[in-house]
Amino acid sequence: MRLKAFACDVLARELYYWSALSVHIIDIELISSVNHEYPKRIHKLLQEKIDALEGAEQLYDYILLGFGLCGNVLEGLESRGIPIVVPRAHDCITVFMGSKEAYDNYFNYNTGTMYYVDSWIERNGLKKERRELDSLGLGGTYEELAAKYGEENAEYLIGIANGWKAMYKKALYLTNDLTDNDFSQEIEALAKDRNWDFARMKSDHSLIKRMVSGDWEDSGFLVIPPDSMIRQSVDSRIVDYICDHECKQRSCSG
């Protein structure tokens, strides 16, 4: 098969590695994780890229999307003439854990965990929340906020900016055999500063490996036929799709 992959760049190392070992031909296009705080922007960009392949059915058999729900970036995406494959994943952490079941199992017994992966840190820094606070206008120092909003409002905004830390009690570092980078000391120091526990876990590339190998037959993936729309599912499937009129006609005639 010939596959076209659009993926978040935090999956770059794993996606390129396993694609190189795949029997299929895979053209990869990365989307910057800088857009993480702007899911509508990612959604629009993905739809534009899918639309741009309209009429390219002879070039590609499937489109692979290397994204989880991630702020609902997949919600409402429409397939055109080429079917789309997506992992059933809440976000990239599910992908790095190897399955939604592995993620759910860890999450259920470790609520209040902040997850860290090498590729995000390499591209966006260790304090990944800083970019999110900046996008909300809460990323400045007290003095900067006071100058902009006044002292009373600055104190209130600082409280909001720091309040999220109380929601977490653990930092989990998902290590990666594909790189010699080791951020253990930095993450452990950050966890200590925030009064969180610290743990390490080896990442599992099963989901990425299966995605580029065409092994999509079980509950780990959703294959969206042409002329359909991706929808978030409220159950364990995570994502589903609905057919438009043309899709339904093909299903009936088939």
Protein backbone atom coordinates (compact mmCIF):
# COMPACT_ATOMS: atom_id res chain seq x y z
CA MET A 1 0.00 0.00 0.00
CA ARG A 2 0.94 3.62 -0.40
CA LEU A 3 0.03 5.71 2.62
CA LYS A 4 0.00 9.43 3.36
CA ALA A 5 0.57 10.33 7.02
CA PHE A 6 -0.22 13.63 8.68
CA ALA A 7 1.06 13.58 12.25
CA CYS A 8 2.00 15.75 15.20
CA ASP A 9 5.75 16.26 15.28
CA VAL A 10 6.03 14.77 18.78
CA LEU A 11 5.60 11.41 17.00
CA ALA A 12 8.30 12.17 14.42
CA ARG A 13 11.09 9.94 15.70
CA GLU A 14 8.86 6.89 16.20
CA LEU A 15 6.88 7.45 13.02
CA TYR A 16 9.94 7.74 10.80
CA TYR A 17 11.65 4.78 12.46
CA TRP A 18 8.78 2.33 12.11
CA SER A 19 7.82 3.63 8.66
CA ALA A 20 11.35 2.84 7.48
CA LEU A 21 10.78 -0.76 8.57
CA SER A 22 7.29 -1.01 7.07
CA VAL A 23 6.64 -2.94 3.85
CA HIS A 24 4.41 -0.07 2.73
CA ILE A 25 5.39 3.21 1.09
CA ILE A 26 4.62 6.02 3.52
CA ASP A 27 4.84 9.74 2.80
CA ILE A 28 5.02 11.64 6.08
CA GLU A 29 4.08 15.26 6.72
CA LEU A 30 4.50 16.67 10.23
CA ILE A 31 2.43 19.35 11.93
CA SER A 32 4.15 21.44 14.59
CA SER A 33 3.18 20.80 18.21
CA VAL A 34 3.41 24.57 18.70
CA ASN A 35 -0.23 24.45 17.56
CA HIS A 36 -1.16 22.24 20.53
CA GLU A 37 -2.95 25.08 22.32
CA TYR A 38 -4.94 25.89 19.19
CA PRO A 39 -6.91 22.73 18.30
CA LYS A 40 -9.20 24.60 15.90
CA ARG A 41 -6.13 25.65 13.95
CA ILE A 42 -4.92 22.04 13.73
CA HIS A 43 -8.40 20.88 12.71
CA LYS A 44 -8.55 23.45 9.91
CA LEU A 45 -5.06 22.55 8.73
CA LEU A 46 -5.81 18.81 8.68
CA GLN A 47 -9.03 19.34 6.73
CA GLU A 48 -7.18 21.48 4.19
CA LYS A 49 -4.55 18.77 3.74
CA ILE A 50 -7.20 16.06 3.36
CA ASP A 51 -9.07 18.21 0.84
CA ALA A 52 -5.85 18.82 -1.11
CA LEU A 53 -5.64 15.08 -1.79
CA GLU A 54 -9.05 15.05 -3.43
CA GLY A 55 -8.63 13.25 -6.74
CA ALA A 56 -5.38 11.60 -5.62
CA GLU A 57 -6.95 8.19 -5.07
CA GLN A 58 -4.44 6.71 -7.51
CA LEU A 59 -1.56 8.00 -5.39
CA TYR A 60 -2.63 6.86 -1.92
CA ASP A 61 -4.66 3.98 -0.57
CA TYR A 62 -5.17 5.45 2.90
CA ILE A 63 -4.51 8.61 4.89
CA LEU A 64 -3.03 8.09 8.36
CA LEU A 65 -3.68 10.71 11.03
CA GLY A 66 -1.15 10.67 13.86
CA PHE A 67 -3.38 12.47 16.35
CA GLY A 68 -5.61 11.61 19.27
CA LEU A 69 -8.62 13.65 20.29
CA CYS A 70 -6.22 16.36 21.50
CA GLY A 71 -8.77 19.09 22.14
CA ASN A 72 -11.17 17.62 19.58
CA VAL A 73 -8.90 18.22 16.58
CA LEU A 74 -10.46 15.16 14.91
CA GLU A 75 -14.08 16.08 15.62
CA GLY A 76 -15.89 16.88 12.38
CA LEU A 77 -13.01 16.08 10.01
CA GLU A 78 -14.41 14.81 6.72
CA SER A 79 -12.88 12.17 4.51
CA ARG A 80 -13.03 12.69 0.75
CA GLY A 81 -12.11 10.02 -1.79
CA ILE A 82 -9.42 8.34 0.32
CA PRO A 83 -10.26 6.42 3.52
CA ILE A 84 -8.67 7.66 6.73
CA VAL A 85 -7.12 5.66 9.58
CA VAL A 86 -6.87 7.10 13.11
CA PRO A 87 -5.70 5.50 16.36
CA ARG A 88 -8.31 5.25 19.07
CA ALA A 89 -6.39 7.56 21.38
CA HIS A 90 -7.22 10.28 23.88
CA ASP A 91 -3.99 12.10 23.03
CA CYS A 92 -0.34 11.39 22.20
CA ILE A 93 0.20 9.83 25.65
CA THR A 94 -2.12 7.00 24.64
CA VAL A 95 0.04 6.50 21.55
CA PHE A 96 3.24 6.42 23.62
CA MET A 97 1.66 3.90 26.01
CA GLY A 98 0.78 1.54 23.17
CA SER A 99 -3.01 1.34 23.50
CA LYS A 100 -6.05 3.03 24.96
CA GLU A 101 -6.40 0.11 27.36
CA ALA A 102 -2.89 0.68 28.73
CA TYR A 103 -3.60 4.38 29.12
CA ASP A 104 -6.95 3.79 30.82
CA ASN A 105 -5.44 1.26 33.20
CA TYR A 106 -2.67 3.64 34.25
CA PHE A 107 -4.97 6.65 34.46
CA ASN A 108 -7.51 4.84 36.62
CA TYR A 109 -4.89 3.97 39.24
CA ASN A 110 -2.83 7.16 38.93
CA THR A 111 -5.16 10.11 38.71
CA GLY A 112 -3.49 13.49 38.89
CA THR A 113 -0.50 12.52 36.73
CA MET A 114 1.37 14.92 34.45
CA TYR A 115 2.99 13.02 31.57
CA TYR A 116 6.34 13.88 29.98
CA VAL A 117 7.92 12.57 26.76
CA ASP A 118 11.29 13.37 25.19
CA SER A 119 9.94 14.66 21.90
CA TRP A 120 7.70 17.26 23.52
CA ILE A 121 10.51 18.49 25.78
CA GLU A 122 12.92 18.67 22.84
CA ARG A 123 10.55 20.88 20.88
CA ASN A 124 8.66 22.84 23.52
CA GLY A 125 10.69 22.75 26.71
CA LEU A 126 10.18 20.99 30.01
CA LYS A 127 7.56 23.31 31.44
CA LYS A 128 5.00 22.57 28.78
CA GLU A 129 2.34 24.50 30.67
CA ARG A 130 4.28 27.76 30.14
CA ARG A 131 3.23 27.95 26.49
CA GLU A 132 -0.38 27.29 27.47
CA LEU A 133 -0.31 30.06 30.08
CA ASP A 134 1.27 32.43 27.56
CA SER A 135 -1.53 31.70 25.10
CA LEU A 136 -4.01 32.79 27.79
CA GLY A 137 -2.06 35.91 28.70
CA LEU A 138 -1.10 34.44 32.09
CA GLY A 139 2.53 33.66 31.39
CA GLY A 140 4.15 36.84 32.68
CA THR A 141 5.76 37.63 36.03
CA TYR A 142 3.80 39.34 38.80
CA GLU A 143 5.41 42.65 37.90
CA GLU A 144 4.49 42.28 34.22
CA LEU A 145 0.90 41.35 35.03
CA ALA A 146 0.61 44.17 37.58
CA ALA A 147 1.82 46.71 35.05
CA LYS A 148 -0.73 45.45 32.56
CA TYR A 149 -3.76 44.70 34.77
CA GLY A 150 -3.08 46.31 38.17
CA GLU A 151 -1.81 44.74 41.41
CA GLU A 152 -5.10 43.27 42.61
CA ASN A 153 -5.84 41.66 39.26
CA ALA A 154 -2.23 40.47 39.01
CA GLU A 155 -2.54 38.59 42.32
CA TYR A 156 -5.75 36.99 41.11
CA LEU A 157 -4.20 35.96 37.78
CA ILE A 158 -1.10 34.53 39.45
CA GLY A 159 -3.39 32.46 41.66
CA ILE A 160 -5.18 31.10 38.60
CA ALA A 161 -1.90 30.47 36.79
CA ASN A 162 -0.54 28.41 39.69
CA GLY A 163 -3.79 26.80 40.77
CA TRP A 164 -3.59 23.98 38.21
CA LYS A 165 -0.54 22.52 39.99
CA ALA A 166 -2.73 21.41 42.90
CA MET A 167 -4.63 19.14 40.50
CA TYR A 168 -1.53 16.98 40.01
CA LYS A 169 0.45 14.80 42.37
CA LYS A 170 2.75 12.83 40.08
CA ALA A 171 5.12 13.31 37.14
CA LEU A 172 5.52 10.31 34.83
CA TYR A 173 8.43 10.25 32.38
CA LEU A 174 7.82 7.97 29.40
CA THR A 175 11.32 6.97 28.30
CA ASN A 176 12.24 6.08 24.73
CA ASP A 177 14.70 3.48 23.44
CA LEU A 178 15.07 5.38 20.15
CA THR A 179 17.05 8.20 21.75
CA ASP A 180 19.87 8.57 24.25
CA ASN A 181 18.28 11.68 25.69
CA ASP A 182 17.42 11.37 29.36
CA PHE A 183 15.45 14.09 31.09
CA SER A 184 14.98 12.11 34.31
CA GLN A 185 16.93 14.50 36.53
CA GLU A 186 15.18 17.59 35.20
CA ILE A 187 11.70 16.08 35.52
CA GLU A 188 12.40 14.68 38.98
CA ALA A 189 13.66 18.09 40.14
CA LEU A 190 10.55 19.75 38.72
CA ALA A 191 8.34 17.19 40.47
CA LYS A 192 10.14 17.78 43.77
CA ASP A 193 9.70 21.53 43.43
CA ARG A 194 5.96 21.00 42.95
CA ASN A 195 5.63 18.37 45.69
CA TRP A 196 4.78 15.66 43.17
CA ASP A 197 5.91 12.07 43.09
CA PHE A 198 8.16 11.01 40.21
CA ALA A 199 8.11 7.79 38.17
CA ARG A 200 9.52 6.41 34.93
CA MET A 201 7.92 4.06 32.43
CA LYS A 202 9.23 2.69 29.15
CA SER A 203 7.14 3.85 26.21
CA ASP A 204 5.43 1.28 23.99
CA HIS A 205 5.51 1.84 20.22
CA SER A 206 2.99 -0.90 19.39
CA LEU A 207 0.29 1.48 18.21
CA ILE A 208 2.59 3.43 15.88
CA LYS A 209 4.18 0.24 14.56
CA ARG A 210 0.78 -1.27 13.78
CA MET A 211 -0.51 1.93 12.21
CA VAL A 212 2.29 2.06 9.62
CA SER A 213 2.15 -1.72 9.11
CA GLY A 214 -1.53 -1.69 8.11
CA ASP A 215 -2.54 -3.77 11.13
CA TRP A 216 -5.82 -1.98 11.81
CA GLU A 217 -8.22 -4.84 12.36
CA ASP A 218 -8.93 -4.64 16.09
CA SER A 219 -10.14 -2.02 18.57
CA GLY A 220 -6.92 0.02 18.36
CA PHE A 221 -7.89 1.86 15.18
CA LEU A 222 -10.81 3.39 13.35
CA VAL A 223 -10.95 3.18 9.55
CA ILE A 224 -13.15 5.94 8.13
CA PRO A 225 -14.55 5.24 4.65
CA PRO A 226 -14.70 7.94 1.95
CA ASP A 227 -17.34 10.66 2.31
CA SER A 228 -17.65 10.30 6.08
CA MET A 229 -17.20 12.49 9.13
CA ILE A 230 -15.17 11.67 12.24
CA ARG A 231 -17.01 12.09 15.52
CA GLN A 232 -15.94 11.76 19.12
CA SER A 233 -17.48 8.75 20.84
CA VAL A 234 -18.68 8.96 24.43
CA ASP A 235 -17.73 5.33 25.08
CA SER A 236 -14.51 3.31 25.09
CA ARG A 237 -14.18 3.54 21.30
CA ILE A 238 -13.09 7.20 21.69
CA VAL A 239 -13.77 8.00 18.01
CA ASP A 240 -16.42 6.95 15.50
CA TYR A 241 -17.72 8.20 12.15
CA ILE A 242 -20.96 8.96 10.36
CA CYS A 243 -21.59 8.48 6.63
CA ASP A 244 -22.94 11.10 4.29
CA HIS A 245 -25.40 10.25 1.52
CA GLU A 246 -22.80 8.97 -0.95
CA CYS A 247 -21.17 6.77 1.67
CA LYS A 248 -24.54 5.26 2.60
CA GLN A 249 -25.32 4.59 -1.06
CA ARG A 250 -22.08 2.64 -1.48
CA SER A 251 -22.77 0.67 1.70
CA CYS A 252 -26.25 -0.27 0.46
CA SER A 253 -25.08 -1.20 -3.03
CA GLY A 254 -22.19 -3.23 -1.60
